[in-house]
Structures are given as C-alpha cells and as structure tokens.
Amino acid sequence: MVAPISRGPALFASGGLLSPDPGLIIWTVLTFLALVLLLSRTAWKPIIKGLDRRENAIRNSLEEAEKSRQEALSLIEEQKDALGKARDEAQDIIERGKAQAGTMRDEIVAKAQTEAEQTLDAARREIEVQIGQAREELRREVVDLSVEVASKVIGRSLSDEDHKRMAGDFLREMKGH
C-alpha cells in the first residue's frame, strides 16, 4: 500500500504561517507607522526636494530648448532674408555689368568705325596721290611717244630744241585739260 503524501504543516491551522495573530498585526502596523513617521521627517523631505529640483531642472531645460528653437527659427529667417538680399545684390551687379558691357561695346564699335573711316580716308588720299603720279607718268610717256612718232613722221629733221619746245607745248595743253 501506498502511504498518503503528507502535505506538511497546515498553512491556516492554529499557529501556522498565515494564521491571523492580532498581536502581530498591531505590532506590524505600529512599526509601519513609526517607519513612515521617521521617513517623513528624515528621508521624504530630501527625496521630495530632490524630485522638485529634478522637475525644475527638466522644466528649465525644456524652456531653454524652446528658447533655443525660437532663436534658431529667428536665425533661419534672418539667413533667408540675408540670402534674398545677396541674390538681389548679385542680380543688380549682373545688370550693371551687362549695362557696362553694352556701353563698352558701343564705345569700341564707335572707335572701330572712326578708325575704319580714318583708314579709308588715308587710303583714298594715297590712291589719289598714286593716280596723280600715274597721270604724270602717263603724260611723260605720251610726250615721249608723241615726239618719237613726230620725229619718224617728220623724218628726223627736228633738232633737240624743237623736240623740247614741242614737248613743253604738249604738256601745257595736257595740263589745261
């Protein structure tokens, strides 16, 4: 046969662990109240002060963080304004540069036109001088050819003085035309 399993001492039996003992309950409550009173006078005030300081530090940190955020937003706005102004100034500089470049271009073109006209005038004067020299050379050639033709036609009976006189008359006639 099997022996019954013993369950050990009865928990709620008289004198057991969980049996209510009025003396023990009173002493436990009195000890607890004494401990609460002792802690309230010695430990709770510093603990509560510490918690209050911690709460204030957190609150101050949050306020400072909010102030910093507001300052950062303000600085961002200032930077946006400064950037906008810088862009406007850059655009103004570009516009002034374009206007100045246009003015310089007009001056350069006018100067180039003036120089071209001066060069053209100088070339025309040179051409006129060359034409005058060519005409003079042509007159001399015509006179020499005329004298040569005339002497062949007349048959060499003219003297050198006659040739010079005839050439001079011919040149005077040519200058008159």
C-alpha atoms as a PDB file:
ATOM      1  CA  MET A   1       0.000   0.000   0.000  1.00  0.00           C
ATOM      2  CA  VAL A   2       0.951   3.477  -0.643  1.00  0.00           C
ATOM      3  CA  ALA A   3       1.396   5.835   2.173  1.00  0.00           C
ATOM      4  CA  PRO A   4      -0.532   9.065   1.966  1.00  0.00           C
ATOM      5  CA  ILE A   5       1.528  12.071   0.951  1.00  0.00           C
ATOM      6  CA  SER A   6       1.985  14.420   3.780  1.00  0.00           C
ATOM      7  CA  ARG A   7       1.300  17.951   2.923  1.00  0.00           C
ATOM      8  CA  GLY A   8       3.437  19.418   5.636  1.00  0.00           C
ATOM      9  CA  PRO A   9       2.164  21.755   8.303  1.00  0.00           C
ATOM     10  CA  ALA A  10      -1.192  23.221   7.624  1.00  0.00           C
ATOM     11  CA  LEU A  11      -0.976  26.825   6.449  1.00  0.00           C
ATOM     12  CA  PHE A  12      -4.094  28.027   8.144  1.00  0.00           C
ATOM     13  CA  ALA A  13      -4.006  25.717  11.142  1.00  0.00           C
ATOM     14  CA  SER A  14      -3.586  27.174  14.529  1.00  0.00           C
ATOM     15  CA  GLY A  15      -0.101  28.609  14.862  1.00  0.00           C
ATOM     16  CA  GLY A  16       0.533  28.352  11.081  1.00  0.00           C
ATOM     17  CA  LEU A  17       2.281  30.934   8.928  1.00  0.00           C
ATOM     18  CA  LEU A  18      -0.799  32.538   7.513  1.00  0.00           C
ATOM     19  CA  SER A  19      -2.997  32.404  10.572  1.00  0.00           C
ATOM     20  CA  PRO A  20      -4.018  35.854  11.837  1.00  0.00           C
ATOM     21  CA  ASP A  21      -2.372  36.862  15.048  1.00  0.00           C
ATOM     22  CA  PRO A  22      -3.823  40.104  16.486  1.00  0.00           C
ATOM     23  CA  GLY A  23      -0.692  40.977  18.425  1.00  0.00           C
ATOM     24  CA  LEU A  24       1.486  40.591  15.387  1.00  0.00           C
ATOM     25  CA  ILE A  25      -0.857  42.742  13.279  1.00  0.00           C
ATOM     26  CA  ILE A  26      -0.782  45.567  15.823  1.00  0.00           C
ATOM     27  CA  TRP A  27       2.983  45.499  16.105  1.00  0.00           C
ATOM     28  CA  THR A  28       3.346  45.418  12.310  1.00  0.00           C
ATOM     29  CA  VAL A  29       1.021  48.442  11.902  1.00  0.00           C
ATOM     30  CA  LEU A  30       2.803  50.324  14.692  1.00  0.00           C
ATOM     31  CA  THR A  31       6.209  49.556  13.152  1.00  0.00           C
ATOM     32  CA  PHE A  32       4.960  50.651   9.765  1.00  0.00           C
ATOM     33  CA  LEU A  33       3.584  53.940  11.152  1.00  0.00           C
ATOM     34  CA  ALA A  34       6.807  54.587  13.043  1.00  0.00           C
ATOM     35  CA  LEU A  35       8.788  53.941   9.890  1.00  0.00           C
ATOM     36  CA  VAL A  36       6.530  56.279   7.876  1.00  0.00           C
ATOM     37  CA  LEU A  37       6.864  58.968  10.531  1.00  0.00           C
ATOM     38  CA  LEU A  38      10.629  58.541  10.691  1.00  0.00           C
ATOM     39  CA  LEU A  39      10.942  58.586   6.903  1.00  0.00           C
ATOM     40  CA  SER A  40       8.651  61.611   6.589  1.00  0.00           C
ATOM     41  CA  ARG A  41      10.839  63.602   8.979  1.00  0.00           C
ATOM     42  CA  THR A  42      14.199  62.458   7.671  1.00  0.00           C
ATOM     43  CA  ALA A  43      14.043  60.997   4.166  1.00  0.00           C
ATOM     44  CA  TRP A  44      10.886  62.177   2.396  1.00  0.00           C
ATOM     45  CA  LYS A  45      11.668  65.863   2.533  1.00  0.00           C
ATOM     46  CA  PRO A  46      15.081  65.413   0.860  1.00  0.00           C
ATOM     47  CA  ILE A  47      13.560  62.940  -1.614  1.00  0.00           C
ATOM     48  CA  ILE A  48      10.708  65.337  -2.440  1.00  0.00           C
ATOM     49  CA  LYS A  49      13.161  68.265  -2.656  1.00  0.00           C
ATOM     50  CA  GLY A  50      15.333  66.193  -4.982  1.00  0.00           C
ATOM     51  CA  LEU A  51      12.308  65.327  -7.105  1.00  0.00           C
ATOM     52  CA  ASP A  52      11.257  69.004  -7.137  1.00  0.00           C
ATOM     53  CA  ARG A  53      14.776  70.047  -8.179  1.00  0.00           C
ATOM     54  CA  ARG A  54      14.742  67.394 -10.899  1.00  0.00           C
ATOM     55  CA  GLU A  55      11.313  68.569 -12.081  1.00  0.00           C
ATOM     56  CA  ASN A  56      12.513  72.197 -12.125  1.00  0.00           C
ATOM     57  CA  ALA A  57      15.692  71.231 -13.977  1.00  0.00           C
ATOM     58  CA  ILE A  58      13.675  69.357 -16.589  1.00  0.00           C
ATOM     59  CA  ARG A  59      11.205  72.256 -16.879  1.00  0.00           C
ATOM     60  CA  ASN A  60      14.103  74.743 -17.262  1.00  0.00           C
ATOM     61  CA  SER A  61      15.771  72.513 -19.829  1.00  0.00           C
ATOM     62  CA  LEU A  62      12.534  72.341 -21.802  1.00  0.00           C
ATOM     63  CA  GLU A  63      12.115  76.130 -21.611  1.00  0.00           C
ATOM     64  CA  GLU A  64      15.718  76.671 -22.724  1.00  0.00           C
ATOM     65  CA  ALA A  65      15.221  74.174 -25.552  1.00  0.00           C
ATOM     66  CA  GLU A  66      12.119  76.084 -26.668  1.00  0.00           C
ATOM     67  CA  LYS A  67      14.016  79.383 -26.479  1.00  0.00           C
ATOM     68  CA  SER A  68      16.858  77.857 -28.487  1.00  0.00           C
ATOM     69  CA  ARG A  69      14.392  76.564 -31.047  1.00  0.00           C
ATOM     70  CA  GLN A  70      12.801  80.013 -31.353  1.00  0.00           C
ATOM     71  CA  GLU A  71      16.240  81.621 -31.694  1.00  0.00           C
ATOM     72  CA  ALA A  72      17.183  79.058 -34.343  1.00  0.00           C
ATOM     73  CA  LEU A  73      13.981  79.799 -36.256  1.00  0.00           C
ATOM     74  CA  SER A  74      14.711  83.509 -35.963  1.00  0.00           C
ATOM     75  CA  LEU A  75      18.258  82.985 -37.226  1.00  0.00           C
ATOM     76  CA  ILE A  76      16.952  80.885 -40.105  1.00  0.00           C
ATOM     77  CA  GLU A  77      14.597  83.704 -41.088  1.00  0.00           C
ATOM     78  CA  GLU A  78      17.443  86.226 -40.852  1.00  0.00           C
ATOM     79  CA  GLN A  79      19.601  83.984 -43.020  1.00  0.00           C
ATOM     80  CA  LYS A  80      16.802  83.663 -45.568  1.00  0.00           C
ATOM     81  CA  ASP A  81      16.463  87.452 -45.644  1.00  0.00           C
ATOM     82  CA  ALA A  82      20.233  87.883 -45.978  1.00  0.00           C
ATOM     83  CA  LEU A  83      20.313  85.289 -48.761  1.00  0.00           C
ATOM     84  CA  GLY A  84      17.480  87.081 -50.556  1.00  0.00           C
ATOM     85  CA  LYS A  85      19.316  90.396 -50.243  1.00  0.00           C
ATOM     86  CA  ALA A  86      22.530  88.784 -51.502  1.00  0.00           C
ATOM     87  CA  ARG A  87      20.656  87.385 -54.504  1.00  0.00           C
ATOM     88  CA  ASP A  88      19.170  90.812 -55.218  1.00  0.00           C
ATOM     89  CA  GLU A  89      22.599  92.431 -54.958  1.00  0.00           C
ATOM     90  CA  ALA A  90      24.086  89.792 -57.238  1.00  0.00           C
ATOM     91  CA  GLN A  91      21.311  90.413 -59.767  1.00  0.00           C
ATOM     92  CA  ASP A  92      21.972  94.165 -59.562  1.00  0.00           C
ATOM     93  CA  ILE A  93      25.680  93.588 -60.117  1.00  0.00           C
ATOM     94  CA  ILE A  94      24.928  91.389 -63.113  1.00  0.00           C
ATOM     95  CA  GLU A  95      22.575  94.004 -64.574  1.00  0.00           C
ATOM     96  CA  ARG A  96      25.133  96.772 -64.050  1.00  0.00           C
ATOM     97  CA  GLY A  97      27.798  94.562 -65.627  1.00  0.00           C
ATOM     98  CA  LYS A  98      25.581  93.947 -68.654  1.00  0.00           C
ATOM     99  CA  ALA A  99      24.860  97.659 -69.000  1.00  0.00           C
ATOM    100  CA  GLN A 100      28.542  98.494 -68.643  1.00  0.00           C
ATOM    101  CA  ALA A 101      29.454  95.812 -71.193  1.00  0.00           C
ATOM    102  CA  GLY A 102      26.877  97.263 -73.598  1.00  0.00           C
ATOM    103  CA  THR A 103      28.328 100.738 -73.145  1.00  0.00           C
ATOM    104  CA  MET A 104      31.854  99.453 -73.660  1.00  0.00           C
ATOM    105  CA  ARG A 105      30.745  97.536 -76.750  1.00  0.00           C
ATOM    106  CA  ASP A 106      29.159 100.695 -78.181  1.00  0.00           C
ATOM    107  CA  GLU A 107      32.330 102.677 -77.463  1.00  0.00           C
ATOM    108  CA  ILE A 108      34.513 100.007 -79.066  1.00  0.00           C
ATOM    109  CA  VAL A 109      32.261  99.844 -82.142  1.00  0.00           C
ATOM    110  CA  ALA A 110      32.276 103.657 -82.450  1.00  0.00           C
ATOM    111  CA  LYS A 111      36.060 103.751 -82.077  1.00  0.00           C
ATOM    112  CA  ALA A 112      36.459 100.965 -84.638  1.00  0.00           C
ATOM    113  CA  GLN A 113      34.188 102.820 -87.072  1.00  0.00           C
ATOM    114  CA  THR A 114      36.168 106.024 -86.575  1.00  0.00           C
ATOM    115  CA  GLU A 115      39.438 104.189 -87.140  1.00  0.00           C
ATOM    116  CA  ALA A 116      37.997 102.454 -90.202  1.00  0.00           C
ATOM    117  CA  GLU A 117      36.876 105.793 -91.630  1.00  0.00           C
ATOM    118  CA  GLN A 118      40.296 107.302 -90.939  1.00  0.00           C
ATOM    119  CA  THR A 119      41.996 104.333 -92.603  1.00  0.00           C
ATOM    120  CA  LEU A 120      39.622 104.605 -95.562  1.00  0.00           C
ATOM    121  CA  ASP A 121      40.299 108.343 -95.881  1.00  0.00           C
ATOM    122  CA  ALA A 122      44.055 107.725 -95.748  1.00  0.00           C
ATOM    123  CA  ALA A 123      43.699 105.013 -98.393  1.00  0.00           C
ATOM    124  CA  ARG A 124      41.659 107.365-100.613  1.00  0.00           C
ATOM    125  CA  ARG A 125      44.301 110.088-100.286  1.00  0.00           C
ATOM    126  CA  GLU A 126      47.013 107.560-101.122  1.00  0.00           C
ATOM    127  CA  ILE A 127      45.015 106.385-104.122  1.00  0.00           C
ATOM    128  CA  GLU A 128      44.601 109.984-105.311  1.00  0.00           C
ATOM    129  CA  VAL A 129      48.351 110.568-104.936  1.00  0.00           C
ATOM    130  CA  GLN A 130      49.065 107.355-106.842  1.00  0.00           C
ATOM    131  CA  ILE A 131      46.564 108.351-109.555  1.00  0.00           C
ATOM    132  CA  GLY A 132      48.234 111.784-109.839  1.00  0.00           C
ATOM    133  CA  GLN A 133      51.654 110.145-110.124  1.00  0.00           C
ATOM    134  CA  ALA A 134      50.333 107.669-112.687  1.00  0.00           C
ATOM    135  CA  ARG A 135      48.822 110.515-114.745  1.00  0.00           C
ATOM    136  CA  GLU A 136      52.085 112.415-114.620  1.00  0.00           C
ATOM    137  CA  GLU A 137      53.994 109.301-115.700  1.00  0.00           C
ATOM    138  CA  LEU A 138      51.441 108.713-118.435  1.00  0.00           C
ATOM    139  CA  ARG A 139      51.853 112.303-119.677  1.00  0.00           C
ATOM    140  CA  ARG A 140      55.612 111.879-119.874  1.00  0.00           C
ATOM    141  CA  GLU A 141      55.194 108.630-121.765  1.00  0.00           C
ATOM    142  CA  VAL A 142      52.679 110.228-124.136  1.00  0.00           C
ATOM    143  CA  VAL A 143      55.062 113.139-124.745  1.00  0.00           C
ATOM    144  CA  ASP A 144      57.968 110.810-125.385  1.00  0.00           C
ATOM    145  CA  LEU A 145      55.876 108.671-127.716  1.00  0.00           C
ATOM    146  CA  SER A 146      54.498 111.727-129.463  1.00  0.00           C
ATOM    147  CA  VAL A 147      57.958 113.125-130.011  1.00  0.00           C
ATOM    148  CA  GLU A 148      59.140 109.779-131.281  1.00  0.00           C
ATOM    149  CA  VAL A 149      56.162 109.415-133.626  1.00  0.00           C
ATOM    150  CA  ALA A 150      56.505 113.008-134.791  1.00  0.00           C
ATOM    151  CA  SER A 151      60.192 112.635-135.478  1.00  0.00           C
ATOM    152  CA  LYS A 152      59.539 109.499-137.519  1.00  0.00           C
ATOM    153  CA  VAL A 153      56.763 111.275-139.389  1.00  0.00           C
ATOM    154  CA  ILE A 154      58.770 114.421-139.995  1.00  0.00           C
ATOM    155  CA  GLY A 155      61.844 112.426-140.602  1.00  0.00           C
ATOM    156  CA  ARG A 156      64.416 113.406-138.104  1.00  0.00           C
ATOM    157  CA  SER A 157      64.763 116.906-139.280  1.00  0.00           C
ATOM    158  CA  LEU A 158      63.883 118.389-135.930  1.00  0.00           C
ATOM    159  CA  SER A 159      66.611 119.400-133.613  1.00  0.00           C
ATOM    160  CA  ASP A 160      66.699 118.682-129.884  1.00  0.00           C
ATOM    161  CA  GLU A 161      65.446 122.202-129.151  1.00  0.00           C
ATOM    162  CA  ASP A 162      62.495 121.676-131.452  1.00  0.00           C
ATOM    163  CA  HIS A 163      61.709 118.447-129.571  1.00  0.00           C
ATOM    164  CA  LYS A 164      61.830 120.188-126.198  1.00  0.00           C
ATOM    165  CA  ARG A 165      59.670 123.059-127.397  1.00  0.00           C
ATOM    166  CA  MET A 166      57.069 120.700-128.833  1.00  0.00           C
ATOM    167  CA  ALA A 167      57.088 118.569-125.648  1.00  0.00           C
ATOM    168  CA  GLY A 168      56.612 121.669-123.492  1.00  0.00           C
ATOM    169  CA  ASP A 169      53.706 122.858-125.688  1.00  0.00           C
ATOM    170  CA  PHE A 170      52.127 119.426-125.460  1.00  0.00           C
ATOM    171  CA  LEU A 171      52.499 119.311-121.671  1.00  0.00           C
ATOM    172  CA  ARG A 172      50.903 122.718-121.316  1.00  0.00           C
ATOM    173  CA  GLU A 173      47.993 121.556-123.403  1.00  0.00           C
ATOM    174  CA  MET A 174      47.616 118.405-121.313  1.00  0.00           C
ATOM    175  CA  LYS A 175      47.666 120.350-118.057  1.00  0.00           C
ATOM    176  CA  GLY A 176      44.974 122.615-119.380  1.00  0.00           C
ATOM    177  CA  HIS A 177      42.673 119.666-119.898  1.00  0.00           C
END
